[in-house]
Amino acid sequence: MEEIKNRIAACELEYDEIQESSLASDEEIQELTSYFSLPLPQELITFYKTVGGIESDETFRISSAENLIRYMKQRTSFSHNSAGIIDMIIAFWANDRPELQEYKLLTEEQTQKINEAFPCIGWMMSEEDINESGEYVIFDKNGNFANIYCHQDNIKAATNELQKLVETGLPERSLENVLEELFERAEGNLSRWD
């Protein structure tokens, strides 16, 4: 996680965009686990305790444990309120994705299966079409991580990919590797706003 911490520090200095995140306490980690369908991978716990989160107003929303808990509590009255990837895509679009909420692209059973298989810890706005898509960071039961691209005009492509991944599982990939890749692309967004 040292490389991620260095990247955050560099972005804070150069762009004044990445916000400080508080490191997670054991109590917050324990509370956060209640929002996920799977146990938290050790690498994610390490991230929360040593980095905290990667948060900005426009680019990243890989929330600290404290902020993710707060966010999940704010969503308790929503019908799609889990930390699963489908529900988090809905949340990303201000709880307004009828094709997912009304089960037009996936059945209720498929939605539940995908949500349970892939908890989502946050997202990054995509560089090439910043207001129309995001990349979501998910993990699976084996502690592997991935970033899933979803464009508002082609959500079907993301749901198709997720259905395949339910069968195959995520490729073996670390959280640090996924975040490094996202940081490479995020710097394009940050420099554009500088």
C-alpha atoms as a PDB file:
ATOM      1  CA  MET A   1       0.000   0.000   0.000  1.00  0.00           C
ATOM      2  CA  GLU A   2       3.032   2.260   0.205  1.00  0.00           C
ATOM      3  CA  GLU A   3       2.847   3.084  -3.516  1.00  0.00           C
ATOM      4  CA  ILE A   4      -0.831   4.065  -3.167  1.00  0.00           C
ATOM      5  CA  LYS A   5      -0.015   6.310  -0.196  1.00  0.00           C
ATOM      6  CA  ASN A   6       2.747   7.980  -2.239  1.00  0.00           C
ATOM      7  CA  ARG A   7       0.385   8.568  -5.174  1.00  0.00           C
ATOM      8  CA  ILE A   8      -2.235  10.122  -2.886  1.00  0.00           C
ATOM      9  CA  ALA A   9       0.357  12.410  -1.338  1.00  0.00           C
ATOM     10  CA  ALA A  10       1.576  13.505  -4.783  1.00  0.00           C
ATOM     11  CA  CYS A  11      -1.982  14.213  -5.957  1.00  0.00           C
ATOM     12  CA  GLU A  12      -2.733  16.195  -2.798  1.00  0.00           C
ATOM     13  CA  LEU A  13       0.323  18.370  -3.432  1.00  0.00           C
ATOM     14  CA  GLU A  14      -0.073  18.792  -7.172  1.00  0.00           C
ATOM     15  CA  TYR A  15      -3.830  19.023  -7.649  1.00  0.00           C
ATOM     16  CA  ASP A  16      -5.266  19.821  -4.207  1.00  0.00           C
ATOM     17  CA  GLU A  17      -8.059  17.410  -5.113  1.00  0.00           C
ATOM     18  CA  ILE A  18      -7.662  14.249  -3.018  1.00  0.00           C
ATOM     19  CA  GLN A  19      -9.097  14.727   0.449  1.00  0.00           C
ATOM     20  CA  GLU A  20      -7.644  13.485   3.714  1.00  0.00           C
ATOM     21  CA  SER A  21      -9.211  10.226   4.882  1.00  0.00           C
ATOM     22  CA  SER A  22      -9.255   8.987   8.437  1.00  0.00           C
ATOM     23  CA  LEU A  23      -7.722   5.590   9.119  1.00  0.00           C
ATOM     24  CA  ALA A  24     -10.139   2.890  10.221  1.00  0.00           C
ATOM     25  CA  SER A  25     -10.432   1.700  13.787  1.00  0.00           C
ATOM     26  CA  ASP A  26     -11.052  -1.944  14.645  1.00  0.00           C
ATOM     27  CA  GLU A  27     -14.597  -0.962  15.637  1.00  0.00           C
ATOM     28  CA  GLU A  28     -15.249   0.625  12.233  1.00  0.00           C
ATOM     29  CA  ILE A  29     -13.886  -2.431  10.432  1.00  0.00           C
ATOM     30  CA  GLN A  30     -16.203  -4.611  12.512  1.00  0.00           C
ATOM     31  CA  GLU A  31     -19.205  -2.376  11.750  1.00  0.00           C
ATOM     32  CA  LEU A  32     -18.346  -2.216   8.057  1.00  0.00           C
ATOM     33  CA  THR A  33     -18.362  -5.998   7.741  1.00  0.00           C
ATOM     34  CA  SER A  34     -22.093  -5.991   8.495  1.00  0.00           C
ATOM     35  CA  TYR A  35     -22.728  -4.176   5.189  1.00  0.00           C
ATOM     36  CA  PHE A  36     -20.907  -6.720   3.023  1.00  0.00           C
ATOM     37  CA  SER A  37     -22.103 -10.117   1.877  1.00  0.00           C
ATOM     38  CA  LEU A  38     -18.535 -11.494   2.069  1.00  0.00           C
ATOM     39  CA  PRO A  39     -15.768 -11.242   4.665  1.00  0.00           C
ATOM     40  CA  LEU A  40     -13.456  -8.289   4.072  1.00  0.00           C
ATOM     41  CA  PRO A  41     -10.212  -9.424   2.406  1.00  0.00           C
ATOM     42  CA  GLN A  42      -7.130  -8.787   4.539  1.00  0.00           C
ATOM     43  CA  GLU A  43      -5.727  -6.458   1.876  1.00  0.00           C
ATOM     44  CA  LEU A  44      -8.853  -4.282   2.115  1.00  0.00           C
ATOM     45  CA  ILE A  45      -8.586  -4.150   5.910  1.00  0.00           C
ATOM     46  CA  THR A  46      -4.943  -3.091   5.508  1.00  0.00           C
ATOM     47  CA  PHE A  47      -6.039  -0.393   3.045  1.00  0.00           C
ATOM     48  CA  TYR A  48      -8.615   0.992   5.482  1.00  0.00           C
ATOM     49  CA  LYS A  49      -6.115   0.960   8.370  1.00  0.00           C
ATOM     50  CA  THR A  50      -3.081   2.377   6.533  1.00  0.00           C
ATOM     51  CA  VAL A  51      -4.481   4.526   3.691  1.00  0.00           C
ATOM     52  CA  GLY A  52      -8.036   5.201   4.854  1.00  0.00           C
ATOM     53  CA  GLY A  53      -9.628   6.018   1.508  1.00  0.00           C
ATOM     54  CA  ILE A  54      -9.127   7.854  -1.780  1.00  0.00           C
ATOM     55  CA  GLU A  55     -11.772  10.526  -1.979  1.00  0.00           C
ATOM     56  CA  SER A  56     -12.250  13.627  -4.092  1.00  0.00           C
ATOM     57  CA  ASP A  57     -15.229  15.717  -5.124  1.00  0.00           C
ATOM     58  CA  GLU A  58     -15.099  14.638  -8.749  1.00  0.00           C
ATOM     59  CA  THR A  59     -12.705  11.770  -9.427  1.00  0.00           C
ATOM     60  CA  PHE A  60     -12.484   9.085  -6.745  1.00  0.00           C
ATOM     61  CA  ARG A  61     -14.948   7.743  -4.251  1.00  0.00           C
ATOM     62  CA  ILE A  62     -13.056   4.887  -2.630  1.00  0.00           C
ATOM     63  CA  SER A  63     -14.405   5.854   0.756  1.00  0.00           C
ATOM     64  CA  SER A  64     -12.759   5.433   4.100  1.00  0.00           C
ATOM     65  CA  ALA A  65     -14.477   2.920   6.389  1.00  0.00           C
ATOM     66  CA  GLU A  66     -15.985   5.812   8.367  1.00  0.00           C
ATOM     67  CA  ASN A  67     -17.441   7.499   5.275  1.00  0.00           C
ATOM     68  CA  LEU A  68     -18.636   4.254   3.706  1.00  0.00           C
ATOM     69  CA  ILE A  69     -20.490   3.363   6.912  1.00  0.00           C
ATOM     70  CA  ARG A  70     -22.106   6.825   6.903  1.00  0.00           C
ATOM     71  CA  TYR A  71     -23.024   6.430   3.224  1.00  0.00           C
ATOM     72  CA  MET A  72     -24.557   2.995   3.765  1.00  0.00           C
ATOM     73  CA  LYS A  73     -26.639   4.313   6.684  1.00  0.00           C
ATOM     74  CA  GLN A  74     -27.981   7.123   4.480  1.00  0.00           C
ATOM     75  CA  ARG A  75     -29.231   4.517   1.993  1.00  0.00           C
ATOM     76  CA  THR A  76     -31.119   2.268   4.427  1.00  0.00           C
ATOM     77  CA  SER A  77     -34.537   3.451   3.242  1.00  0.00           C
ATOM     78  CA  PHE A  78     -33.758   2.649  -0.415  1.00  0.00           C
ATOM     79  CA  SER A  79     -35.003  -0.638  -1.826  1.00  0.00           C
ATOM     80  CA  HIS A  80     -31.597  -1.234  -3.453  1.00  0.00           C
ATOM     81  CA  ASN A  81     -29.362  -0.457  -0.495  1.00  0.00           C
ATOM     82  CA  SER A  82     -26.708  -3.157  -0.316  1.00  0.00           C
ATOM     83  CA  ALA A  83     -22.978  -2.761  -0.944  1.00  0.00           C
ATOM     84  CA  GLY A  84     -23.311  -5.155  -3.890  1.00  0.00           C
ATOM     85  CA  ILE A  85     -22.156  -3.941  -7.287  1.00  0.00           C
ATOM     86  CA  ILE A  86     -25.615  -3.615  -8.880  1.00  0.00           C
ATOM     87  CA  ASP A  87     -26.966  -1.602  -5.950  1.00  0.00           C
ATOM     88  CA  MET A  88     -23.841   0.575  -5.960  1.00  0.00           C
ATOM     89  CA  ILE A  89     -24.237   1.303  -9.680  1.00  0.00           C
ATOM     90  CA  ILE A  90     -27.769   2.445  -8.860  1.00  0.00           C
ATOM     91  CA  ALA A  91     -26.399   4.570  -5.996  1.00  0.00           C
ATOM     92  CA  PHE A  92     -23.747   6.100  -8.286  1.00  0.00           C
ATOM     93  CA  TRP A  93     -26.575   7.400 -10.477  1.00  0.00           C
ATOM     94  CA  ALA A  94     -28.387   9.029  -7.516  1.00  0.00           C
ATOM     95  CA  ASN A  95     -30.712   6.052  -7.029  1.00  0.00           C
ATOM     96  CA  ASP A  96     -32.112   6.458 -10.541  1.00  0.00           C
ATOM     97  CA  ARG A  97     -31.400   3.488 -12.808  1.00  0.00           C
ATOM     98  CA  PRO A  98     -34.833   2.080 -13.666  1.00  0.00           C
ATOM     99  CA  GLU A  99     -33.385  -0.579 -15.968  1.00  0.00           C
ATOM    100  CA  LEU A 100     -31.740  -2.114 -12.874  1.00  0.00           C
ATOM    101  CA  GLN A 101     -34.315  -1.141 -10.249  1.00  0.00           C
ATOM    102  CA  GLU A 102     -37.210  -2.523 -12.281  1.00  0.00           C
ATOM    103  CA  TYR A 103     -35.283  -5.683 -13.283  1.00  0.00           C
ATOM    104  CA  LYS A 104     -35.317  -4.950 -17.010  1.00  0.00           C
ATOM    105  CA  LEU A 105     -31.728  -6.121 -17.627  1.00  0.00           C
ATOM    106  CA  LEU A 106     -31.449  -8.739 -14.888  1.00  0.00           C
ATOM    107  CA  THR A 107     -34.011 -10.735 -12.986  1.00  0.00           C
ATOM    108  CA  GLU A 108     -34.351 -10.139  -9.265  1.00  0.00           C
ATOM    109  CA  GLU A 109     -32.588 -13.468  -8.673  1.00  0.00           C
ATOM    110  CA  GLN A 110     -29.677 -12.571 -10.992  1.00  0.00           C
ATOM    111  CA  THR A 111     -29.374  -9.158  -9.317  1.00  0.00           C
ATOM    112  CA  GLN A 112     -29.211 -10.741  -5.880  1.00  0.00           C
ATOM    113  CA  LYS A 113     -26.646 -13.306  -7.016  1.00  0.00           C
ATOM    114  CA  ILE A 114     -24.362 -10.649  -8.542  1.00  0.00           C
ATOM    115  CA  ASN A 115     -24.739  -8.343  -5.527  1.00  0.00           C
ATOM    116  CA  GLU A 116     -23.794 -11.163  -3.154  1.00  0.00           C
ATOM    117  CA  ALA A 117     -20.861 -12.304  -5.298  1.00  0.00           C
ATOM    118  CA  PHE A 118     -19.289  -8.858  -5.746  1.00  0.00           C
ATOM    119  CA  PRO A 119     -19.333  -6.259  -2.985  1.00  0.00           C
ATOM    120  CA  CYS A 120     -18.320  -2.808  -4.217  1.00  0.00           C
ATOM    121  CA  ILE A 121     -16.034  -0.514  -2.204  1.00  0.00           C
ATOM    122  CA  GLY A 122     -16.262   2.553  -4.451  1.00  0.00           C
ATOM    123  CA  TRP A 123     -15.694   4.011  -7.873  1.00  0.00           C
ATOM    124  CA  MET A 124     -13.754   6.349 -10.066  1.00  0.00           C
ATOM    125  CA  MET A 125     -15.176   8.582 -12.794  1.00  0.00           C
ATOM    126  CA  SER A 126     -13.902   7.485 -16.205  1.00  0.00           C
ATOM    127  CA  GLU A 127     -11.468   9.825 -17.922  1.00  0.00           C
ATOM    128  CA  GLU A 128     -12.776   9.565 -21.477  1.00  0.00           C
ATOM    129  CA  ASP A 129     -16.447  10.258 -20.684  1.00  0.00           C
ATOM    130  CA  ILE A 130     -16.372  11.663 -17.199  1.00  0.00           C
ATOM    131  CA  ASN A 131     -20.033  12.500 -16.681  1.00  0.00           C
ATOM    132  CA  GLU A 132     -21.403   9.390 -18.306  1.00  0.00           C
ATOM    133  CA  SER A 133     -19.560   6.444 -16.792  1.00  0.00           C
ATOM    134  CA  GLY A 134     -17.643   5.063 -13.882  1.00  0.00           C
ATOM    135  CA  GLU A 135     -15.319   2.241 -12.933  1.00  0.00           C
ATOM    136  CA  TYR A 136     -16.397   0.316  -9.860  1.00  0.00           C
ATOM    137  CA  VAL A 137     -13.985  -1.512  -7.553  1.00  0.00           C
ATOM    138  CA  ILE A 138     -15.283  -4.910  -6.466  1.00  0.00           C
ATOM    139  CA  PHE A 139     -13.945  -7.986  -4.695  1.00  0.00           C
ATOM    140  CA  ASP A 140     -14.936 -11.634  -4.514  1.00  0.00           C
ATOM    141  CA  LYS A 141     -14.917 -14.503  -2.014  1.00  0.00           C
ATOM    142  CA  ASN A 142     -11.293 -15.335  -2.887  1.00  0.00           C
ATOM    143  CA  GLY A 143     -10.069 -11.835  -2.032  1.00  0.00           C
ATOM    144  CA  ASN A 144      -9.470 -10.883  -5.658  1.00  0.00           C
ATOM    145  CA  PHE A 145     -10.272  -7.374  -6.877  1.00  0.00           C
ATOM    146  CA  ALA A 146     -11.376  -5.903 -10.196  1.00  0.00           C
ATOM    147  CA  ASN A 147     -12.564  -2.657 -11.728  1.00  0.00           C
ATOM    148  CA  ILE A 148     -15.778  -2.855 -13.748  1.00  0.00           C
ATOM    149  CA  TYR A 149     -16.519  -0.187 -16.353  1.00  0.00           C
ATOM    150  CA  CYS A 150     -20.145   0.883 -16.761  1.00  0.00           C
ATOM    151  CA  HIS A 151     -21.419   3.528 -19.184  1.00  0.00           C
ATOM    152  CA  GLN A 152     -24.889   4.962 -18.629  1.00  0.00           C
ATOM    153  CA  ASP A 153     -25.834   4.284 -22.262  1.00  0.00           C
ATOM    154  CA  ASN A 154     -24.700   0.646 -22.181  1.00  0.00           C
ATOM    155  CA  ILE A 155     -25.358  -0.757 -18.729  1.00  0.00           C
ATOM    156  CA  LYS A 156     -26.188  -4.054 -20.426  1.00  0.00           C
ATOM    157  CA  ALA A 157     -22.494  -4.548 -21.269  1.00  0.00           C
ATOM    158  CA  ALA A 158     -21.594  -4.254 -17.571  1.00  0.00           C
ATOM    159  CA  THR A 159     -24.366  -6.603 -16.441  1.00  0.00           C
ATOM    160  CA  ASN A 160     -23.323  -9.155 -19.089  1.00  0.00           C
ATOM    161  CA  GLU A 161     -19.727  -8.982 -17.848  1.00  0.00           C
ATOM    162  CA  LEU A 162     -20.846  -9.397 -14.236  1.00  0.00           C
ATOM    163  CA  GLN A 163     -22.982 -12.422 -15.103  1.00  0.00           C
ATOM    164  CA  LYS A 164     -19.952 -14.076 -16.724  1.00  0.00           C
ATOM    165  CA  LEU A 165     -17.782 -13.237 -13.705  1.00  0.00           C
ATOM    166  CA  VAL A 166     -20.286 -14.889 -11.365  1.00  0.00           C
ATOM    167  CA  GLU A 167     -19.529 -18.129 -13.213  1.00  0.00           C
ATOM    168  CA  THR A 168     -15.765 -17.715 -13.641  1.00  0.00           C
ATOM    169  CA  GLY A 169     -14.815 -15.635 -10.601  1.00  0.00           C
ATOM    170  CA  LEU A 170     -12.574 -12.598 -10.743  1.00  0.00           C
ATOM    171  CA  PRO A 171      -9.074 -12.902 -12.190  1.00  0.00           C
ATOM    172  CA  GLU A 172      -6.372 -13.085  -9.526  1.00  0.00           C
ATOM    173  CA  ARG A 173      -5.627  -9.422  -8.905  1.00  0.00           C
ATOM    174  CA  SER A 174      -4.757  -7.346  -5.840  1.00  0.00           C
ATOM    175  CA  LEU A 175      -6.476  -4.199  -4.615  1.00  0.00           C
ATOM    176  CA  GLU A 176      -3.200  -2.318  -4.906  1.00  0.00           C
ATOM    177  CA  ASN A 177      -2.868  -3.336  -8.561  1.00  0.00           C
ATOM    178  CA  VAL A 178      -6.424  -2.183  -9.356  1.00  0.00           C
ATOM    179  CA  LEU A 179      -5.935   1.141  -7.558  1.00  0.00           C
ATOM    180  CA  GLU A 180      -2.612   1.785  -9.307  1.00  0.00           C
ATOM    181  CA  GLU A 181      -4.313   1.286 -12.675  1.00  0.00           C
ATOM    182  CA  LEU A 182      -7.145   3.635 -11.711  1.00  0.00           C
ATOM    183  CA  PHE A 183      -4.689   6.234 -10.435  1.00  0.00           C
ATOM    184  CA  GLU A 184      -2.915   6.241 -13.796  1.00  0.00           C
ATOM    185  CA  ARG A 185      -6.174   7.195 -15.465  1.00  0.00           C
ATOM    186  CA  ALA A 186      -7.347   9.508 -12.681  1.00  0.00           C
ATOM    187  CA  GLU A 187      -4.329  11.725 -13.162  1.00  0.00           C
ATOM    188  CA  GLY A 188      -5.670  12.578 -16.623  1.00  0.00           C
ATOM    189  CA  ASN A 189      -8.861  13.889 -15.014  1.00  0.00           C
ATOM    190  CA  LEU A 190      -7.033  15.702 -12.238  1.00  0.00           C
ATOM    191  CA  SER A 191      -4.652  17.485 -14.599  1.00  0.00           C
ATOM    192  CA  ARG A 192      -7.575  18.586 -16.767  1.00  0.00           C
ATOM    193  CA  TRP A 193      -9.179  20.318 -13.784  1.00  0.00           C
ATOM    194  CA  ASP A 194      -5.934  21.821 -12.449  1.00  0.00           C
END
